[in-house]
Amino acid sequence: KGRIKVREGLMPGTITFSVGYGHWGYGATQLEIGGKTVKGDQVRRAGISLNPIMRRDPAVWQMPLMDPIGGSAAFFQTRARLEPVVNA
């Protein structure tokens, strides 16, 4: 779930996403290092991570589809449908 903002400047039928406002790593989750537990910081975990909603790469486990030339995520290969969520 996440919030959306409707704005001018986007082609009808497309969405855009700010990358970098949601993390699984970078101190966001609890880790064990050298037998010691390092607690995750919930503030770092806030936001929405792009990876879970991107199309999966069948050749790389749990990763978004990769661009074979540049090696980065293939951002333009994911299709999405937005649906309203009613608060309970």
PDB file of N, CA and C in Angstrom:
ATOM      1  N   LYS A   1       0.832  -1.180   0.000  1.00  0.00           N
ATOM      2  CA  LYS A   1       0.000   0.000   0.000  1.00  0.00           C
ATOM      3  C   LYS A   1       0.871   1.236   0.000  1.00  0.00           C
ATOM      4  N   GLY A   2       0.374   2.268  -0.593  1.00  0.00           N
ATOM      5  CA  GLY A   2       1.073   3.540  -0.609  1.00  0.00           C
ATOM      6  C   GLY A   2       0.137   4.640  -1.045  1.00  0.00           C
ATOM      7  N   ARG A   3       0.576   5.847  -0.890  1.00  0.00           N
ATOM      8  CA  ARG A   3      -0.234   6.987  -1.326  1.00  0.00           C
ATOM      9  C   ARG A   3       0.176   7.375  -2.732  1.00  0.00           C
ATOM     10  N   ILE A   4      -0.800   7.848  -3.487  1.00  0.00           N
ATOM     11  CA  ILE A   4      -0.489   8.337  -4.824  1.00  0.00           C
ATOM     12  C   ILE A   4      -0.836   9.814  -4.900  1.00  0.00           C
ATOM     13  N   LYS A   5      -0.182  10.482  -5.810  1.00  0.00           N
ATOM     14  CA  LYS A   5      -0.447  11.898  -6.046  1.00  0.00           C
ATOM     15  C   LYS A   5      -0.685  12.056  -7.539  1.00  0.00           C
ATOM     16  N   VAL A   6      -1.847  12.558  -7.894  1.00  0.00           N
ATOM     17  CA  VAL A   6      -2.172  12.789  -9.294  1.00  0.00           C
ATOM     18  C   VAL A   6      -1.623  14.157  -9.673  1.00  0.00           C
ATOM     19  N   ARG A   7      -0.901  14.201 -10.791  1.00  0.00           N
ATOM     20  CA  ARG A   7      -0.325  15.477 -11.202  1.00  0.00           C
ATOM     21  C   ARG A   7      -0.252  15.578 -12.715  1.00  0.00           C
ATOM     22  N   GLU A   8      -0.144  16.802 -13.167  1.00  0.00           N
ATOM     23  CA  GLU A   8       0.007  17.047 -14.601  1.00  0.00           C
ATOM     24  C   GLU A   8       1.418  16.668 -15.039  1.00  0.00           C
ATOM     25  N   GLY A   9       1.557  16.406 -16.331  1.00  0.00           N
ATOM     26  CA  GLY A   9       2.879  16.152 -16.875  1.00  0.00           C
ATOM     27  C   GLY A   9       3.179  14.699 -17.159  1.00  0.00           C
ATOM     28  N   LEU A  10       2.310  13.801 -16.726  1.00  0.00           N
ATOM     29  CA  LEU A  10       2.503  12.383 -17.010  1.00  0.00           C
ATOM     30  C   LEU A  10       1.546  11.950 -18.101  1.00  0.00           C
ATOM     31  N   MET A  11       2.019  11.090 -18.974  1.00  0.00           N
ATOM     32  CA  MET A  11       1.167  10.569 -20.030  1.00  0.00           C
ATOM     33  C   MET A  11       0.067   9.713 -19.408  1.00  0.00           C
ATOM     34  N   PRO A  12      -1.179   9.857 -19.854  1.00  0.00           N
ATOM     35  CA  PRO A  12      -2.259   9.014 -19.327  1.00  0.00           C
ATOM     36  C   PRO A  12      -1.890   7.530 -19.441  1.00  0.00           C
ATOM     37  N   GLY A  13      -2.189   6.791 -18.391  1.00  0.00           N
ATOM     38  CA  GLY A  13      -1.886   5.365 -18.378  1.00  0.00           C
ATOM     39  C   GLY A  13      -0.499   5.028 -17.865  1.00  0.00           C
ATOM     40  N   THR A  14       0.246   6.031 -17.389  1.00  0.00           N
ATOM     41  CA  THR A  14       1.583   5.767 -16.849  1.00  0.00           C
ATOM     42  C   THR A  14       1.651   6.200 -15.390  1.00  0.00           C
ATOM     43  N   ILE A  15       2.620   5.646 -14.675  1.00  0.00           N
ATOM     44  CA  ILE A  15       2.894   6.071 -13.301  1.00  0.00           C
ATOM     45  C   ILE A  15       4.388   6.349 -13.190  1.00  0.00           C
ATOM     46  N   THR A  16       4.761   7.099 -12.176  1.00  0.00           N
ATOM     47  CA  THR A  16       6.168   7.355 -11.895  1.00  0.00           C
ATOM     48  C   THR A  16       6.403   7.060 -10.422  1.00  0.00           C
ATOM     49  N   PHE A  17       7.632   6.829 -10.047  1.00  0.00           N
ATOM     50  CA  PHE A  17       7.948   6.410  -8.693  1.00  0.00           C
ATOM     51  C   PHE A  17       9.277   7.018  -8.288  1.00  0.00           C
ATOM     52  N   SER A  18       9.334   7.639  -7.129  1.00  0.00           N
ATOM     53  CA  SER A  18      10.599   8.179  -6.616  1.00  0.00           C
ATOM     54  C   SER A  18      11.403   7.045  -6.004  1.00  0.00           C
ATOM     55  N   VAL A  19      12.563   6.790  -6.550  1.00  0.00           N
ATOM     56  CA  VAL A  19      13.409   5.696  -6.082  1.00  0.00           C
ATOM     57  C   VAL A  19      14.235   6.175  -4.888  1.00  0.00           C
ATOM     58  N   GLY A  20      14.373   5.329  -3.884  1.00  0.00           N
ATOM     59  CA  GLY A  20      15.254   5.634  -2.767  1.00  0.00           C
ATOM     60  C   GLY A  20      14.555   6.024  -1.482  1.00  0.00           C
ATOM     61  N   TYR A  21      13.234   5.955  -1.439  1.00  0.00           N
ATOM     62  CA  TYR A  21      12.532   6.337  -0.215  1.00  0.00           C
ATOM     63  C   TYR A  21      12.040   5.149   0.600  1.00  0.00           C
ATOM     64  N   GLY A  22      12.494   3.963   0.303  1.00  0.00           N
ATOM     65  CA  GLY A  22      12.139   2.777   1.072  1.00  0.00           C
ATOM     66  C   GLY A  22      13.277   1.777   0.978  1.00  0.00           C
ATOM     67  N   HIS A  23      13.665   1.192   2.096  1.00  0.00           N
ATOM     68  CA  HIS A  23      14.824   0.299   2.102  1.00  0.00           C
ATOM     69  C   HIS A  23      14.551  -0.971   2.886  1.00  0.00           C
ATOM     70  N   TRP A  24      15.248  -2.028   2.484  1.00  0.00           N
ATOM     71  CA  TRP A  24      15.303  -3.262   3.272  1.00  0.00           C
ATOM     72  C   TRP A  24      16.636  -3.312   4.001  1.00  0.00           C
ATOM     73  N   GLY A  25      17.652  -2.697   3.425  1.00  0.00           N
ATOM     74  CA  GLY A  25      18.999  -2.692   3.993  1.00  0.00           C
ATOM     75  C   GLY A  25      19.333  -1.338   4.578  1.00  0.00           C
ATOM     76  N   TYR A  26      20.602  -0.996   4.560  1.00  0.00           N
ATOM     77  CA  TYR A  26      21.078   0.301   5.048  1.00  0.00           C
ATOM     78  C   TYR A  26      20.648   0.576   6.485  1.00  0.00           C
ATOM     79  N   GLY A  27      20.706  -0.456   7.330  1.00  0.00           N
ATOM     80  CA  GLY A  27      20.336  -0.281   8.728  1.00  0.00           C
ATOM     81  C   GLY A  27      18.849  -0.337   9.000  1.00  0.00           C
ATOM     82  N   ALA A  28      18.052  -0.719   8.009  1.00  0.00           N
ATOM     83  CA  ALA A  28      16.599  -0.750   8.180  1.00  0.00           C
ATOM     84  C   ALA A  28      16.110  -2.022   8.861  1.00  0.00           C
ATOM     85  N   THR A  29      16.826  -3.118   8.706  1.00  0.00           N
ATOM     86  CA  THR A  29      16.389  -4.392   9.274  1.00  0.00           C
ATOM     87  C   THR A  29      17.421  -4.911  10.270  1.00  0.00           C
ATOM     88  N   GLN A  30      16.961  -5.748  11.182  1.00  0.00           N
ATOM     89  CA  GLN A  30      17.831  -6.316  12.200  1.00  0.00           C
ATOM     90  C   GLN A  30      18.801  -7.313  11.570  1.00  0.00           C
ATOM     91  N   LEU A  31      20.065  -7.244  11.973  1.00  0.00           N
ATOM     92  CA  LEU A  31      21.105  -8.132  11.452  1.00  0.00           C
ATOM     93  C   LEU A  31      21.885  -8.738  12.602  1.00  0.00           C
ATOM     94  N   GLU A  32      22.554  -9.853  12.313  1.00  0.00           N
ATOM     95  CA  GLU A  32      23.489 -10.416  13.275  1.00  0.00           C
ATOM     96  C   GLU A  32      24.877 -10.323  12.662  1.00  0.00           C
ATOM     97  N   ILE A  33      25.786  -9.663  13.371  1.00  0.00           N
ATOM     98  CA  ILE A  33      27.153  -9.483  12.888  1.00  0.00           C
ATOM     99  C   ILE A  33      28.109  -9.930  13.984  1.00  0.00           C
ATOM    100  N   GLY A  34      28.914 -10.935  13.686  1.00  0.00           N
ATOM    101  CA  GLY A  34      29.875 -11.437  14.670  1.00  0.00           C
ATOM    102  C   GLY A  34      29.213 -11.920  15.942  1.00  0.00           C
ATOM    103  N   GLY A  35      28.028 -12.510  15.817  1.00  0.00           N
ATOM    104  CA  GLY A  35      27.309 -13.020  16.975  1.00  0.00           C
ATOM    105  C   GLY A  35      26.557 -11.963  17.764  1.00  0.00           C
ATOM    106  N   LYS A  36      26.624 -10.726  17.347  1.00  0.00           N
ATOM    107  CA  LYS A  36      25.914  -9.646  18.037  1.00  0.00           C
ATOM    108  C   LYS A  36      24.757  -9.160  17.177  1.00  0.00           C
ATOM    109  N   THR A  37      23.631  -8.881  17.820  1.00  0.00           N
ATOM    110  CA  THR A  37      22.449  -8.391  17.116  1.00  0.00           C
ATOM    111  C   THR A  37      22.500  -6.872  16.997  1.00  0.00           C
ATOM    112  N   VAL A  38      22.350  -6.405  15.766  1.00  0.00           N
ATOM    113  CA  VAL A  38      22.269  -4.971  15.498  1.00  0.00           C
ATOM    114  C   VAL A  38      20.827  -4.691  15.107  1.00  0.00           C
ATOM    115  N   LYS A  39      20.129  -3.924  15.926  1.00  0.00           N
ATOM    116  CA  LYS A  39      18.710  -3.662  15.671  1.00  0.00           C
ATOM    117  C   LYS A  39      18.521  -2.740  14.477  1.00  0.00           C
ATOM    118  N   GLY A  40      17.446  -2.995  13.743  1.00  0.00           N
ATOM    119  CA  GLY A  40      17.106  -2.147  12.606  1.00  0.00           C
ATOM    120  C   GLY A  40      16.435  -0.861  13.055  1.00  0.00           C
ATOM    121  N   ASP A  41      16.567   0.155  12.259  1.00  0.00           N
ATOM    122  CA  ASP A  41      15.972   1.458  12.540  1.00  0.00           C
ATOM    123  C   ASP A  41      14.690   1.595  11.720  1.00  0.00           C
ATOM    124  N   GLN A  42      13.540   1.668  12.382  1.00  0.00           N
ATOM    125  CA  GLN A  42      12.251   1.745  11.696  1.00  0.00           C
ATOM    126  C   GLN A  42      12.111   3.010  10.852  1.00  0.00           C
ATOM    127  N   VAL A  43      12.804   4.078  11.229  1.00  0.00           N
ATOM    128  CA  VAL A  43      12.753   5.307  10.431  1.00  0.00           C
ATOM    129  C   VAL A  43      13.378   5.058   9.060  1.00  0.00           C
ATOM    130  N   ARG A  44      14.475   4.319   9.020  1.00  0.00           N
ATOM    131  CA  ARG A  44      15.109   3.995   7.735  1.00  0.00           C
ATOM    132  C   ARG A  44      14.231   3.070   6.899  1.00  0.00           C
ATOM    133  N   ARG A  45      13.394   2.286   7.567  1.00  0.00           N
ATOM    134  CA  ARG A  45      12.535   1.334   6.868  1.00  0.00           C
ATOM    135  C   ARG A  45      11.261   1.998   6.335  1.00  0.00           C
ATOM    136  N   ALA A  46      10.981   3.212   6.743  1.00  0.00           N
ATOM    137  CA  ALA A  46       9.767   3.905   6.308  1.00  0.00           C
ATOM    138  C   ALA A  46       9.813   4.179   4.809  1.00  0.00           C
ATOM    139  N   GLY A  47       8.670   4.384   4.226  1.00  0.00           N
ATOM    140  CA  GLY A  47       8.595   4.643   2.790  1.00  0.00           C
ATOM    141  C   GLY A  47       8.217   3.382   2.033  1.00  0.00           C
ATOM    142  N   ILE A  48       8.273   3.451   0.729  1.00  0.00           N
ATOM    143  CA  ILE A  48       7.896   2.323  -0.119  1.00  0.00           C
ATOM    144  C   ILE A  48       9.098   1.945  -0.965  1.00  0.00           C
ATOM    145  N   SER A  49       9.465   0.686  -0.921  1.00  0.00           N
ATOM    146  CA  SER A  49      10.566   0.201  -1.745  1.00  0.00           C
ATOM    147  C   SER A  49      10.035  -0.194  -3.112  1.00  0.00           C
ATOM    148  N   LEU A  50      10.750   0.150  -4.146  1.00  0.00           N
ATOM    149  CA  LEU A  50      10.342  -0.133  -5.514  1.00  0.00           C
ATOM    150  C   LEU A  50      10.463  -1.612  -5.877  1.00  0.00           C
ATOM    151  N   ASN A  51      11.451  -2.308  -5.338  1.00  0.00           N
ATOM    152  CA  ASN A  51      11.714  -3.688  -5.744  1.00  0.00           C
ATOM    153  C   ASN A  51      10.518  -4.630  -5.657  1.00  0.00           C
ATOM    154  N   PRO A  52       9.709  -4.599  -4.585  1.00  0.00           N
ATOM    155  CA  PRO A  52       8.605  -5.562  -4.507  1.00  0.00           C
ATOM    156  C   PRO A  52       7.536  -5.393  -5.587  1.00  0.00           C
ATOM    157  N   ILE A  53       7.428  -4.226  -6.187  1.00  0.00           N
ATOM    158  CA  ILE A  53       6.373  -4.044  -7.185  1.00  0.00           C
ATOM    159  C   ILE A  53       6.882  -4.159  -8.614  1.00  0.00           C
ATOM    160  N   MET A  54       8.198  -4.284  -8.778  1.00  0.00           N
ATOM    161  CA  MET A  54       8.752  -4.392 -10.131  1.00  0.00           C
ATOM    162  C   MET A  54       8.671  -5.829 -10.646  1.00  0.00           C
ATOM    163  N   ARG A  55       8.643  -5.951 -11.959  1.00  0.00           N
ATOM    164  CA  ARG A  55       8.639  -7.268 -12.599  1.00  0.00           C
ATOM    165  C   ARG A  55       9.911  -8.015 -12.199  1.00  0.00           C
ATOM    166  N   ARG A  56       9.778  -9.292 -11.852  1.00  0.00           N
ATOM    167  CA  ARG A  56      10.908 -10.103 -11.406  1.00  0.00           C
ATOM    168  C   ARG A  56      11.752 -10.598 -12.578  1.00  0.00           C
ATOM    169  N   ASP A  57      13.055 -10.685 -12.344  1.00  0.00           N
ATOM    170  CA  ASP A  57      13.981 -11.244 -13.327  1.00  0.00           C
ATOM    171  C   ASP A  57      14.014 -12.757 -13.120  1.00  0.00           C
ATOM    172  N   PRO A  58      13.625 -13.558 -14.114  1.00  0.00           N
ATOM    173  CA  PRO A  58      13.599 -15.008 -13.934  1.00  0.00           C
ATOM    174  C   PRO A  58      14.986 -15.615 -13.727  1.00  0.00           C
ATOM    175  N   ALA A  59      16.052 -14.901 -14.094  1.00  0.00           N
ATOM    176  CA  ALA A  59      17.404 -15.434 -13.968  1.00  0.00           C
ATOM    177  C   ALA A  59      18.078 -15.066 -12.646  1.00  0.00           C
ATOM    178  N   VAL A  60      17.530 -14.098 -11.917  1.00  0.00           N
ATOM    179  CA  VAL A  60      18.154 -13.638 -10.671  1.00  0.00           C
ATOM    180  C   VAL A  60      17.101 -13.660  -9.571  1.00  0.00           C
ATOM    181  N   TRP A  61      17.289 -14.482  -8.564  1.00  0.00           N
ATOM    182  CA  TRP A  61      16.306 -14.678  -7.503  1.00  0.00           C
ATOM    183  C   TRP A  61      16.005 -13.381  -6.754  1.00  0.00           C
ATOM    184  N   GLN A  62      14.723 -13.074  -6.603  1.00  0.00           N
ATOM    185  CA  GLN A  62      14.231 -11.935  -5.812  1.00  0.00           C
ATOM    186  C   GLN A  62      14.775 -10.574  -6.254  1.00  0.00           C
ATOM    187  N   MET A  63      15.062 -10.428  -7.512  1.00  0.00           N
ATOM    188  CA  MET A  63      15.557  -9.152  -8.027  1.00  0.00           C
ATOM    189  C   MET A  63      14.650  -8.667  -9.142  1.00  0.00           C
ATOM    190  N   PRO A  64      14.566  -7.351  -9.328  1.00  0.00           N
ATOM    191  CA  PRO A  64      13.791  -6.837 -10.457  1.00  0.00           C
ATOM    192  C   PRO A  64      14.449  -7.230 -11.779  1.00  0.00           C
ATOM    193  N   LEU A  65      13.674  -7.195 -12.835  1.00  0.00           N
ATOM    194  CA  LEU A  65      14.193  -7.472 -14.166  1.00  0.00           C
ATOM    195  C   LEU A  65      15.370  -6.544 -14.440  1.00  0.00           C
ATOM    196  N   MET A  66      16.451  -7.095 -14.967  1.00  0.00           N
ATOM    197  CA  MET A  66      17.672  -6.328 -15.187  1.00  0.00           C
ATOM    198  C   MET A  66      17.838  -5.937 -16.648  1.00  0.00           C
ATOM    199  N   ASP A  67      18.385  -4.753 -16.861  1.00  0.00           N
ATOM    200  CA  ASP A  67      18.740  -4.287 -18.196  1.00  0.00           C
ATOM    201  C   ASP A  67      20.039  -4.982 -18.601  1.00  0.00           C
ATOM    202  N   PRO A  68      20.037  -5.756 -19.689  1.00  0.00           N
ATOM    203  CA  PRO A  68      21.234  -6.522 -20.042  1.00  0.00           C
ATOM    204  C   PRO A  68      22.431  -5.659 -20.456  1.00  0.00           C
ATOM    205  N   ILE A  69      22.204  -4.435 -20.865  1.00  0.00           N
ATOM    206  CA  ILE A  69      23.306  -3.569 -21.293  1.00  0.00           C
ATOM    207  C   ILE A  69      23.933  -2.843 -20.103  1.00  0.00           C
ATOM    208  N   GLY A  70      23.119  -2.143 -19.333  1.00  0.00           N
ATOM    209  CA  GLY A  70      23.640  -1.336 -18.230  1.00  0.00           C
ATOM    210  C   GLY A  70      23.729  -2.058 -16.903  1.00  0.00           C
ATOM    211  N   GLY A  71      22.989  -3.159 -16.744  1.00  0.00           N
ATOM    212  CA  GLY A  71      23.022  -3.915 -15.503  1.00  0.00           C
ATOM    213  C   GLY A  71      22.148  -3.357 -14.396  1.00  0.00           C
ATOM    214  N   SER A  72      21.436  -2.270 -14.651  1.00  0.00           N
ATOM    215  CA  SER A  72      20.548  -1.720 -13.624  1.00  0.00           C
ATOM    216  C   SER A  72      19.141  -2.288 -13.806  1.00  0.00           C
ATOM    217  N   ALA A  73      18.251  -1.900 -12.933  1.00  0.00           N
ATOM    218  CA  ALA A  73      16.867  -2.371 -13.035  1.00  0.00           C
ATOM    219  C   ALA A  73      16.236  -1.887 -14.337  1.00  0.00           C
ATOM    220  N   ALA A  74      15.422  -2.744 -14.941  1.00  0.00           N
ATOM    221  CA  ALA A  74      14.714  -2.397 -16.183  1.00  0.00           C
ATOM    222  C   ALA A  74      13.392  -1.745 -15.789  1.00  0.00           C
ATOM    223  N   PHE A  75      13.425  -0.455 -15.544  1.00  0.00           N
ATOM    224  CA  PHE A  75      12.280   0.270 -15.005  1.00  0.00           C
ATOM    225  C   PHE A  75      11.076   0.321 -15.933  1.00  0.00           C
ATOM    226  N   PHE A  76      11.281   0.229 -17.230  1.00  0.00           N
ATOM    227  CA  PHE A  76      10.180   0.409 -18.174  1.00  0.00           C
ATOM    228  C   PHE A  76       9.484  -0.890 -18.551  1.00  0.00           C
ATOM    229  N   GLN A  77       9.825  -1.995 -17.917  1.00  0.00           N
ATOM    230  CA  GLN A  77       9.261  -3.294 -18.274  1.00  0.00           C
ATOM    231  C   GLN A  77       8.163  -3.755 -17.319  1.00  0.00           C
ATOM    232  N   THR A  78       7.846  -2.960 -16.325  1.00  0.00           N
ATOM    233  CA  THR A  78       6.846  -3.346 -15.332  1.00  0.00           C
ATOM    234  C   THR A  78       5.510  -2.693 -15.641  1.00  0.00           C
ATOM    235  N   ARG A  79       4.463  -3.495 -15.639  1.00  0.00           N
ATOM    236  CA  ARG A  79       3.107  -2.959 -15.790  1.00  0.00           C
ATOM    237  C   ARG A  79       2.463  -2.894 -14.413  1.00  0.00           C
ATOM    238  N   ALA A  80       1.655  -1.879 -14.199  1.00  0.00           N
ATOM    239  CA  ALA A  80       1.027  -1.694 -12.891  1.00  0.00           C
ATOM    240  C   ALA A  80      -0.434  -1.304 -13.058  1.00  0.00           C
ATOM    241  N   ARG A  81      -1.222  -1.627 -12.051  1.00  0.00           N
ATOM    242  CA  ARG A  81      -2.621  -1.208 -12.002  1.00  0.00           C
ATOM    243  C   ARG A  81      -2.845  -0.617 -10.612  1.00  0.00           C
ATOM    244  N   LEU A  82      -3.371   0.589 -10.561  1.00  0.00           N
ATOM    245  CA  LEU A  82      -3.657   1.244  -9.290  1.00  0.00           C
ATOM    246  C   LEU A  82      -5.115   1.022  -8.930  1.00  0.00           C
ATOM    247  N   GLU A  83      -5.347   0.650  -7.684  1.00  0.00           N
ATOM    248  CA  GLU A  83      -6.706   0.419  -7.203  1.00  0.00           C
ATOM    249  C   GLU A  83      -6.896   1.167  -5.892  1.00  0.00           C
ATOM    250  N   PRO A  84      -8.047   1.804  -5.716  1.00  0.00           N
ATOM    251  CA  PRO A  84      -8.293   2.499  -4.447  1.00  0.00           C
ATOM    252  C   PRO A  84      -8.460   1.502  -3.302  1.00  0.00           C
ATOM    253  N   VAL A  85      -7.984   1.887  -2.141  1.00  0.00           N
ATOM    254  CA  VAL A  85      -8.121   1.070  -0.943  1.00  0.00           C
ATOM    255  C   VAL A  85      -8.996   1.841   0.031  1.00  0.00           C
ATOM    256  N   VAL A  86     -10.034   1.206   0.514  1.00  0.00           N
ATOM    257  CA  VAL A  86     -10.936   1.835   1.475  1.00  0.00           C
ATOM    258  C   VAL A  86     -10.397   1.572   2.873  1.00  0.00           C
ATOM    259  N   ASN A  87     -10.201   2.634   3.654  1.00  0.00           N
ATOM    260  CA  ASN A  87      -9.728   2.466   5.029  1.00  0.00           C
ATOM    261  C   ASN A  87     -10.789   1.802   5.870  1.00  0.00           C
ATOM    262  N   ALA A  88     -10.371   0.835   6.652  1.00  0.00           N
ATOM    263  CA  ALA A  88     -11.317   0.104   7.515  1.00  0.00           C
ATOM    264  C   ALA A  88     -11.485   0.798   8.841  1.00  0.00           C
TER     265      ALA A  88
END
